[in-house]
């Protein structure tokens, strides 16, 4: 684990977190719904941010998990979406998964009503979810990208029902969007099928740091 053990994770103000995300996240954009921000500090400086909040896709997520209290998850306060995660290159190897683990422990301690965490990996621009898999998340969906578009002015944005952007002439990026779920409560259960990680290669959905590459190729490179 090395110096990753020295990282301190704590709640930070939205203003500081959002500026870091704008500077270091591949999209350059924040999620306005984020309302819980953790900072990762090493050598007394901020080197990473994890932003949580209500789900961006409210219509389709509540029935993904069964909880012990109500069968189907019907309470927004029983889940969070990890909707932005950004780290700089200063942090050592294994830092991201360690930071997620600490953040989850803090959530469990201070917000015990939260039963599960949802997140998505963008395998059309960034990666297929390496950090999520290393952190114990379950893969529950691999979809061809249908929401991330490149506008005619070159800007890349997410297409949503209330979008302020003009999508005339825009093109969807080639790639995939992968959905991951972490069950915090031991009594919570997936209400969707868990997908084996090898399916990422089978569907051609592999990506790491913005480059198309399979899981098998990465595993061979580490041997």
C-alpha atoms as a PDB file:
ATOM      1  CA  UNK A   1       0.000   0.000   0.000  1.00  0.00           C
ATOM      2  CA  UNK A   2       2.989   2.313   0.588  1.00  0.00           C
ATOM      3  CA  UNK A   3       2.254   6.003   1.005  1.00  0.00           C
ATOM      4  CA  UNK A   4      -1.413   5.484   0.203  1.00  0.00           C
ATOM      5  CA  UNK A   5      -1.818   4.734   3.927  1.00  0.00           C
ATOM      6  CA  UNK A   6      -0.834   8.318   4.689  1.00  0.00           C
ATOM      7  CA  UNK A   7      -3.751   9.822   2.758  1.00  0.00           C
ATOM      8  CA  UNK A   8      -6.298  11.687   4.876  1.00  0.00           C
ATOM      9  CA  UNK A   9      -9.898  11.738   3.618  1.00  0.00           C
ATOM     10  CA  UNK A  10     -12.336  14.289   5.018  1.00  0.00           C
ATOM     11  CA  UNK A  11     -15.403  16.310   4.061  1.00  0.00           C
ATOM     12  CA  UNK A  12     -14.607  19.554   2.238  1.00  0.00           C
ATOM     13  CA  UNK A  13     -16.710  22.534   1.072  1.00  0.00           C
ATOM     14  CA  UNK A  14     -18.432  22.338  -2.303  1.00  0.00           C
ATOM     15  CA  UNK A  15     -16.583  25.429  -3.565  1.00  0.00           C
ATOM     16  CA  UNK A  16     -13.179  23.789  -3.072  1.00  0.00           C
ATOM     17  CA  UNK A  17     -14.326  20.395  -4.384  1.00  0.00           C
ATOM     18  CA  UNK A  18     -15.962  21.819  -7.498  1.00  0.00           C
ATOM     19  CA  UNK A  19     -12.907  23.854  -8.455  1.00  0.00           C
ATOM     20  CA  UNK A  20     -10.707  20.761  -8.124  1.00  0.00           C
ATOM     21  CA  UNK A  21     -13.109  18.727 -10.267  1.00  0.00           C
ATOM     22  CA  UNK A  22     -13.145  21.414 -12.957  1.00  0.00           C
ATOM     23  CA  UNK A  23      -9.346  21.365 -13.008  1.00  0.00           C
ATOM     24  CA  UNK A  24      -8.757  17.602 -12.867  1.00  0.00           C
ATOM     25  CA  UNK A  25     -11.821  15.656 -14.059  1.00  0.00           C
ATOM     26  CA  UNK A  26     -11.627  14.641 -17.722  1.00  0.00           C
ATOM     27  CA  UNK A  27     -14.978  16.331 -18.429  1.00  0.00           C
ATOM     28  CA  UNK A  28     -14.057  19.615 -16.783  1.00  0.00           C
ATOM     29  CA  UNK A  29     -17.611  19.764 -15.441  1.00  0.00           C
ATOM     30  CA  UNK A  30     -19.222  19.362 -12.021  1.00  0.00           C
ATOM     31  CA  UNK A  31     -22.575  17.769 -11.184  1.00  0.00           C
ATOM     32  CA  UNK A  32     -24.830  20.367  -9.597  1.00  0.00           C
ATOM     33  CA  UNK A  33     -26.692  17.691  -7.634  1.00  0.00           C
ATOM     34  CA  UNK A  34     -23.567  16.791  -5.664  1.00  0.00           C
ATOM     35  CA  UNK A  35     -23.969  17.732  -2.010  1.00  0.00           C
ATOM     36  CA  UNK A  36     -21.370  15.630  -0.182  1.00  0.00           C
ATOM     37  CA  UNK A  37     -17.723  16.126  -1.073  1.00  0.00           C
ATOM     38  CA  UNK A  38     -14.697  14.261   0.263  1.00  0.00           C
ATOM     39  CA  UNK A  39     -11.171  15.519  -0.222  1.00  0.00           C
ATOM     40  CA  UNK A  40      -8.066  13.304  -0.323  1.00  0.00           C
ATOM     41  CA  UNK A  41      -5.031  14.977   1.261  1.00  0.00           C
ATOM     42  CA  UNK A  42      -1.392  13.944   1.169  1.00  0.00           C
ATOM     43  CA  UNK A  43       1.479  16.065   2.474  1.00  0.00           C
ATOM     44  CA  UNK A  44      -1.103  18.617   3.633  1.00  0.00           C
ATOM     45  CA  UNK A  45      -2.382  19.295   0.100  1.00  0.00           C
ATOM     46  CA  UNK A  46      -5.589  18.350  -1.720  1.00  0.00           C
ATOM     47  CA  UNK A  47      -4.956  15.743  -4.422  1.00  0.00           C
ATOM     48  CA  UNK A  48      -8.354  14.116  -4.954  1.00  0.00           C
ATOM     49  CA  UNK A  49     -12.107  14.694  -4.714  1.00  0.00           C
ATOM     50  CA  UNK A  50     -15.089  12.341  -4.519  1.00  0.00           C
ATOM     51  CA  UNK A  51     -18.492  14.004  -4.888  1.00  0.00           C
ATOM     52  CA  UNK A  52     -21.736  12.247  -3.915  1.00  0.00           C
ATOM     53  CA  UNK A  53     -25.353  13.275  -4.256  1.00  0.00           C
ATOM     54  CA  UNK A  54     -28.828  12.245  -5.404  1.00  0.00           C
ATOM     55  CA  UNK A  55     -28.906  10.151  -8.582  1.00  0.00           C
ATOM     56  CA  UNK A  56     -28.757  11.973 -11.889  1.00  0.00           C
ATOM     57  CA  UNK A  57     -31.271   9.529 -13.407  1.00  0.00           C
ATOM     58  CA  UNK A  58     -34.026   9.526 -10.802  1.00  0.00           C
ATOM     59  CA  UNK A  59     -36.561   7.650 -12.914  1.00  0.00           C
ATOM     60  CA  UNK A  60     -34.760   4.351 -13.248  1.00  0.00           C
ATOM     61  CA  UNK A  61     -32.592   3.698 -10.206  1.00  0.00           C
ATOM     62  CA  UNK A  62     -34.758   3.109  -7.136  1.00  0.00           C
ATOM     63  CA  UNK A  63     -35.747  -0.419  -8.161  1.00  0.00           C
ATOM     64  CA  UNK A  64     -32.149  -1.537  -8.735  1.00  0.00           C
ATOM     65  CA  UNK A  65     -31.735  -2.638  -5.113  1.00  0.00           C
ATOM     66  CA  UNK A  66     -33.916  -4.342  -2.499  1.00  0.00           C
ATOM     67  CA  UNK A  67     -33.376  -3.099   1.038  1.00  0.00           C
ATOM     68  CA  UNK A  68     -34.241  -4.718   4.346  1.00  0.00           C
ATOM     69  CA  UNK A  69     -36.725  -2.013   5.343  1.00  0.00           C
ATOM     70  CA  UNK A  70     -39.137  -1.867   2.444  1.00  0.00           C
ATOM     71  CA  UNK A  71     -38.510  -4.625  -0.079  1.00  0.00           C
ATOM     72  CA  UNK A  72     -37.792  -2.253  -2.919  1.00  0.00           C
ATOM     73  CA  UNK A  73     -35.743   0.829  -2.265  1.00  0.00           C
ATOM     74  CA  UNK A  74     -38.306   3.634  -2.147  1.00  0.00           C
ATOM     75  CA  UNK A  75     -36.406   6.226  -0.136  1.00  0.00           C
ATOM     76  CA  UNK A  76     -33.990   8.645  -1.737  1.00  0.00           C
ATOM     77  CA  UNK A  77     -32.013   8.933   1.488  1.00  0.00           C
ATOM     78  CA  UNK A  78     -31.118   5.213   1.314  1.00  0.00           C
ATOM     79  CA  UNK A  79     -28.763   5.653  -1.621  1.00  0.00           C
ATOM     80  CA  UNK A  80     -26.200   8.029  -3.076  1.00  0.00           C
ATOM     81  CA  UNK A  81     -24.593   8.375  -6.454  1.00  0.00           C
ATOM     82  CA  UNK A  82     -20.860   8.841  -6.669  1.00  0.00           C
ATOM     83  CA  UNK A  83     -21.164  11.250  -9.557  1.00  0.00           C
ATOM     84  CA  UNK A  84     -17.710  12.808  -9.739  1.00  0.00           C
ATOM     85  CA  UNK A  85     -14.298  11.403  -8.856  1.00  0.00           C
ATOM     86  CA  UNK A  86     -11.066  13.193  -9.720  1.00  0.00           C
ATOM     87  CA  UNK A  87      -7.479  12.597  -8.601  1.00  0.00           C
ATOM     88  CA  UNK A  88      -4.236  14.205  -9.693  1.00  0.00           C
ATOM     89  CA  UNK A  89      -1.026  12.353 -10.512  1.00  0.00           C
ATOM     90  CA  UNK A  90       0.651  13.094  -7.185  1.00  0.00           C
ATOM     91  CA  UNK A  91      -1.104  10.285  -5.317  1.00  0.00           C
ATOM     92  CA  UNK A  92       0.619   6.879  -5.255  1.00  0.00           C
ATOM     93  CA  UNK A  93      -0.683   3.574  -6.584  1.00  0.00           C
ATOM     94  CA  UNK A  94      -3.856   2.166  -4.968  1.00  0.00           C
ATOM     95  CA  UNK A  95      -4.849   5.618  -3.680  1.00  0.00           C
ATOM     96  CA  UNK A  96      -8.215   5.753  -5.426  1.00  0.00           C
ATOM     97  CA  UNK A  97      -9.586   2.498  -4.027  1.00  0.00           C
ATOM     98  CA  UNK A  98      -8.285   3.373  -0.555  1.00  0.00           C
ATOM     99  CA  UNK A  99      -9.952   6.797  -0.701  1.00  0.00           C
ATOM    100  CA  UNK A 100     -13.259   5.259  -1.758  1.00  0.00           C
ATOM    101  CA  UNK A 101     -13.055   2.748   1.099  1.00  0.00           C
ATOM    102  CA  UNK A 102     -12.462   5.514   3.649  1.00  0.00           C
ATOM    103  CA  UNK A 103     -15.274   7.648   2.218  1.00  0.00           C
ATOM    104  CA  UNK A 104     -17.673   4.708   2.420  1.00  0.00           C
ATOM    105  CA  UNK A 105     -16.695   4.071   6.047  1.00  0.00           C
ATOM    106  CA  UNK A 106     -17.410   7.716   6.870  1.00  0.00           C
ATOM    107  CA  UNK A 107     -20.795   7.515   5.161  1.00  0.00           C
ATOM    108  CA  UNK A 108     -21.680   4.339   7.068  1.00  0.00           C
ATOM    109  CA  UNK A 109     -20.723   5.976  10.362  1.00  0.00           C
ATOM    110  CA  UNK A 110     -22.383   9.343   9.853  1.00  0.00           C
ATOM    111  CA  UNK A 111     -25.277   8.457   7.512  1.00  0.00           C
ATOM    112  CA  UNK A 112     -26.319   4.904   8.471  1.00  0.00           C
ATOM    113  CA  UNK A 113     -29.543   5.224   6.478  1.00  0.00           C
ATOM    114  CA  UNK A 114     -27.531   4.946   3.245  1.00  0.00           C
ATOM    115  CA  UNK A 115     -27.735   1.334   2.045  1.00  0.00           C
ATOM    116  CA  UNK A 116     -26.005   1.467  -1.342  1.00  0.00           C
ATOM    117  CA  UNK A 117     -23.928   3.530  -3.736  1.00  0.00           C
ATOM    118  CA  UNK A 118     -24.478   3.923  -7.469  1.00  0.00           C
ATOM    119  CA  UNK A 119     -21.907   5.068 -10.007  1.00  0.00           C
ATOM    120  CA  UNK A 120     -21.200   4.980 -13.733  1.00  0.00           C
ATOM    121  CA  UNK A 121     -17.985   4.657 -15.687  1.00  0.00           C
ATOM    122  CA  UNK A 122     -17.634   6.445 -18.997  1.00  0.00           C
ATOM    123  CA  UNK A 123     -16.005   4.000 -21.400  1.00  0.00           C
ATOM    124  CA  UNK A 124     -16.434   6.425 -24.265  1.00  0.00           C
ATOM    125  CA  UNK A 125     -14.015   9.033 -22.882  1.00  0.00           C
ATOM    126  CA  UNK A 126     -12.302   7.785 -19.733  1.00  0.00           C
ATOM    127  CA  UNK A 127     -12.439   4.186 -18.470  1.00  0.00           C
ATOM    128  CA  UNK A 128     -14.499   1.040 -17.935  1.00  0.00           C
ATOM    129  CA  UNK A 129     -14.503   1.161 -14.114  1.00  0.00           C
ATOM    130  CA  UNK A 130     -11.165  -0.234 -12.925  1.00  0.00           C
ATOM    131  CA  UNK A 131     -11.363   1.672  -9.634  1.00  0.00           C
ATOM    132  CA  UNK A 132     -14.930   0.535  -8.975  1.00  0.00           C
ATOM    133  CA  UNK A 133     -14.054  -3.106  -9.506  1.00  0.00           C
ATOM    134  CA  UNK A 134     -11.070  -2.767  -7.170  1.00  0.00           C
ATOM    135  CA  UNK A 135     -13.378  -1.187  -4.579  1.00  0.00           C
ATOM    136  CA  UNK A 136     -15.923  -4.015  -4.518  1.00  0.00           C
ATOM    137  CA  UNK A 137     -18.600  -2.520  -6.749  1.00  0.00           C
ATOM    138  CA  UNK A 138     -20.747  -4.929  -8.763  1.00  0.00           C
ATOM    139  CA  UNK A 139     -21.118  -4.440 -12.511  1.00  0.00           C
ATOM    140  CA  UNK A 140     -24.821  -4.368 -13.392  1.00  0.00           C
ATOM    141  CA  UNK A 141     -25.052  -2.846 -16.864  1.00  0.00           C
ATOM    142  CA  UNK A 142     -22.975  -2.314 -20.005  1.00  0.00           C
ATOM    143  CA  UNK A 143     -24.690  -0.012 -22.480  1.00  0.00           C
ATOM    144  CA  UNK A 144     -23.543   1.524 -25.723  1.00  0.00           C
ATOM    145  CA  UNK A 145     -23.246   5.242 -25.179  1.00  0.00           C
ATOM    146  CA  UNK A 146     -26.418   7.172 -25.981  1.00  0.00           C
ATOM    147  CA  UNK A 147     -26.085  10.174 -23.669  1.00  0.00           C
ATOM    148  CA  UNK A 148     -22.647  11.722 -24.247  1.00  0.00           C
ATOM    149  CA  UNK A 149     -22.527  13.888 -27.375  1.00  0.00           C
ATOM    150  CA  UNK A 150     -19.996  16.063 -29.165  1.00  0.00           C
ATOM    151  CA  UNK A 151     -21.612  19.301 -30.255  1.00  0.00           C
ATOM    152  CA  UNK A 152     -20.810  21.028 -33.521  1.00  0.00           C
ATOM    153  CA  UNK A 153     -18.666  23.538 -31.571  1.00  0.00           C
ATOM    154  CA  UNK A 154     -16.541  20.672 -30.223  1.00  0.00           C
ATOM    155  CA  UNK A 155     -17.933  20.743 -26.684  1.00  0.00           C
ATOM    156  CA  UNK A 156     -18.771  17.348 -25.156  1.00  0.00           C
ATOM    157  CA  UNK A 157     -21.911  17.264 -23.002  1.00  0.00           C
ATOM    158  CA  UNK A 158     -24.514  14.874 -21.623  1.00  0.00           C
ATOM    159  CA  UNK A 159     -27.871  14.849 -23.376  1.00  0.00           C
ATOM    160  CA  UNK A 160     -30.777  15.017 -20.948  1.00  0.00           C
ATOM    161  CA  UNK A 161     -34.437  15.942 -21.184  1.00  0.00           C
ATOM    162  CA  UNK A 162     -33.932  19.418 -19.741  1.00  0.00           C
ATOM    163  CA  UNK A 163     -30.690  20.112 -21.569  1.00  0.00           C
ATOM    164  CA  UNK A 164     -29.768  23.731 -22.261  1.00  0.00           C
ATOM    165  CA  UNK A 165     -27.598  22.747 -25.226  1.00  0.00           C
ATOM    166  CA  UNK A 166     -28.452  22.690 -28.915  1.00  0.00           C
ATOM    167  CA  UNK A 167     -27.941  19.110 -30.123  1.00  0.00           C
ATOM    168  CA  UNK A 168     -28.662  19.780 -33.789  1.00  0.00           C
ATOM    169  CA  UNK A 169     -25.846  18.151 -35.726  1.00  0.00           C
ATOM    170  CA  UNK A 170     -24.309  16.673 -32.573  1.00  0.00           C
ATOM    171  CA  UNK A 171     -22.902  13.133 -32.644  1.00  0.00           C
ATOM    172  CA  UNK A 172     -22.926  10.539 -29.873  1.00  0.00           C
ATOM    173  CA  UNK A 173     -19.450   9.433 -28.864  1.00  0.00           C
ATOM    174  CA  UNK A 174     -18.558   5.843 -29.677  1.00  0.00           C
ATOM    175  CA  UNK A 175     -18.154   3.746 -26.565  1.00  0.00           C
ATOM    176  CA  UNK A 176     -20.008   2.456 -23.551  1.00  0.00           C
ATOM    177  CA  UNK A 177     -21.485   3.525 -20.223  1.00  0.00           C
ATOM    178  CA  UNK A 178     -21.097   0.958 -17.430  1.00  0.00           C
ATOM    179  CA  UNK A 179     -23.215   0.937 -14.288  1.00  0.00           C
ATOM    180  CA  UNK A 180     -21.782  -0.153 -10.940  1.00  0.00           C
ATOM    181  CA  UNK A 181     -23.436  -0.682  -7.558  1.00  0.00           C
ATOM    182  CA  UNK A 182     -21.854  -1.045  -4.116  1.00  0.00           C
ATOM    183  CA  UNK A 183     -24.069  -2.591  -1.427  1.00  0.00           C
ATOM    184  CA  UNK A 184     -23.176  -1.002   1.910  1.00  0.00           C
ATOM    185  CA  UNK A 185     -25.882  -2.719   3.958  1.00  0.00           C
ATOM    186  CA  UNK A 186     -25.261  -6.466   4.185  1.00  0.00           C
ATOM    187  CA  UNK A 187     -29.015  -7.117   4.026  1.00  0.00           C
ATOM    188  CA  UNK A 188     -29.470  -5.156   0.798  1.00  0.00           C
ATOM    189  CA  UNK A 189     -29.745  -7.177  -2.411  1.00  0.00           C
ATOM    190  CA  UNK A 190     -29.410  -6.424  -6.080  1.00  0.00           C
ATOM    191  CA  UNK A 191     -32.703  -6.415  -7.944  1.00  0.00           C
ATOM    192  CA  UNK A 192     -30.846  -6.709 -11.255  1.00  0.00           C
ATOM    193  CA  UNK A 193     -28.388  -9.304 -12.493  1.00  0.00           C
ATOM    194  CA  UNK A 194     -24.717  -8.964 -11.674  1.00  0.00           C
ATOM    195  CA  UNK A 195     -22.591  -9.055 -14.829  1.00  0.00           C
ATOM    196  CA  UNK A 196     -19.225 -10.863 -14.791  1.00  0.00           C
ATOM    197  CA  UNK A 197     -16.335  -8.515 -15.512  1.00  0.00           C
ATOM    198  CA  UNK A 198     -15.220 -10.617 -18.485  1.00  0.00           C
ATOM    199  CA  UNK A 199     -18.321  -9.367 -20.295  1.00  0.00           C
ATOM    200  CA  UNK A 200     -16.534  -6.030 -20.728  1.00  0.00           C
ATOM    201  CA  UNK A 201     -14.075  -7.658 -23.126  1.00  0.00           C
ATOM    202  CA  UNK A 202     -16.764  -9.724 -24.810  1.00  0.00           C
ATOM    203  CA  UNK A 203     -18.699  -6.566 -25.687  1.00  0.00           C
ATOM    204  CA  UNK A 204     -15.631  -4.574 -26.687  1.00  0.00           C
ATOM    205  CA  UNK A 205     -16.238  -2.100 -23.870  1.00  0.00           C
ATOM    206  CA  UNK A 206     -12.722  -1.976 -22.453  1.00  0.00           C
ATOM    207  CA  UNK A 207     -11.121   1.426 -21.893  1.00  0.00           C
ATOM    208  CA  UNK A 208      -8.418   2.758 -19.575  1.00  0.00           C
ATOM    209  CA  UNK A 209      -7.374   6.413 -19.269  1.00  0.00           C
ATOM    210  CA  UNK A 210      -9.190   7.246 -22.479  1.00  0.00           C
ATOM    211  CA  UNK A 211      -7.613   4.491 -24.573  1.00  0.00           C
ATOM    212  CA  UNK A 212      -9.419   1.443 -25.930  1.00  0.00           C
ATOM    213  CA  UNK A 213      -7.805  -1.563 -24.276  1.00  0.00           C
ATOM    214  CA  UNK A 214      -9.179  -4.868 -23.006  1.00  0.00           C
ATOM    215  CA  UNK A 215      -9.018  -6.184 -19.465  1.00  0.00           C
ATOM    216  CA  UNK A 216      -7.004  -9.133 -20.746  1.00  0.00           C
ATOM    217  CA  UNK A 217      -4.368  -6.842 -22.251  1.00  0.00           C
ATOM    218  CA  UNK A 218      -4.055  -4.926 -18.995  1.00  0.00           C
ATOM    219  CA  UNK A 219      -3.752  -8.112 -16.970  1.00  0.00           C
ATOM    220  CA  UNK A 220      -1.022  -9.442 -19.262  1.00  0.00           C
ATOM    221  CA  UNK A 221       0.886  -6.162 -18.984  1.00  0.00           C
ATOM    222  CA  UNK A 222       0.926  -6.486 -15.185  1.00  0.00           C
ATOM    223  CA  UNK A 223       2.317 -10.020 -15.202  1.00  0.00           C
END
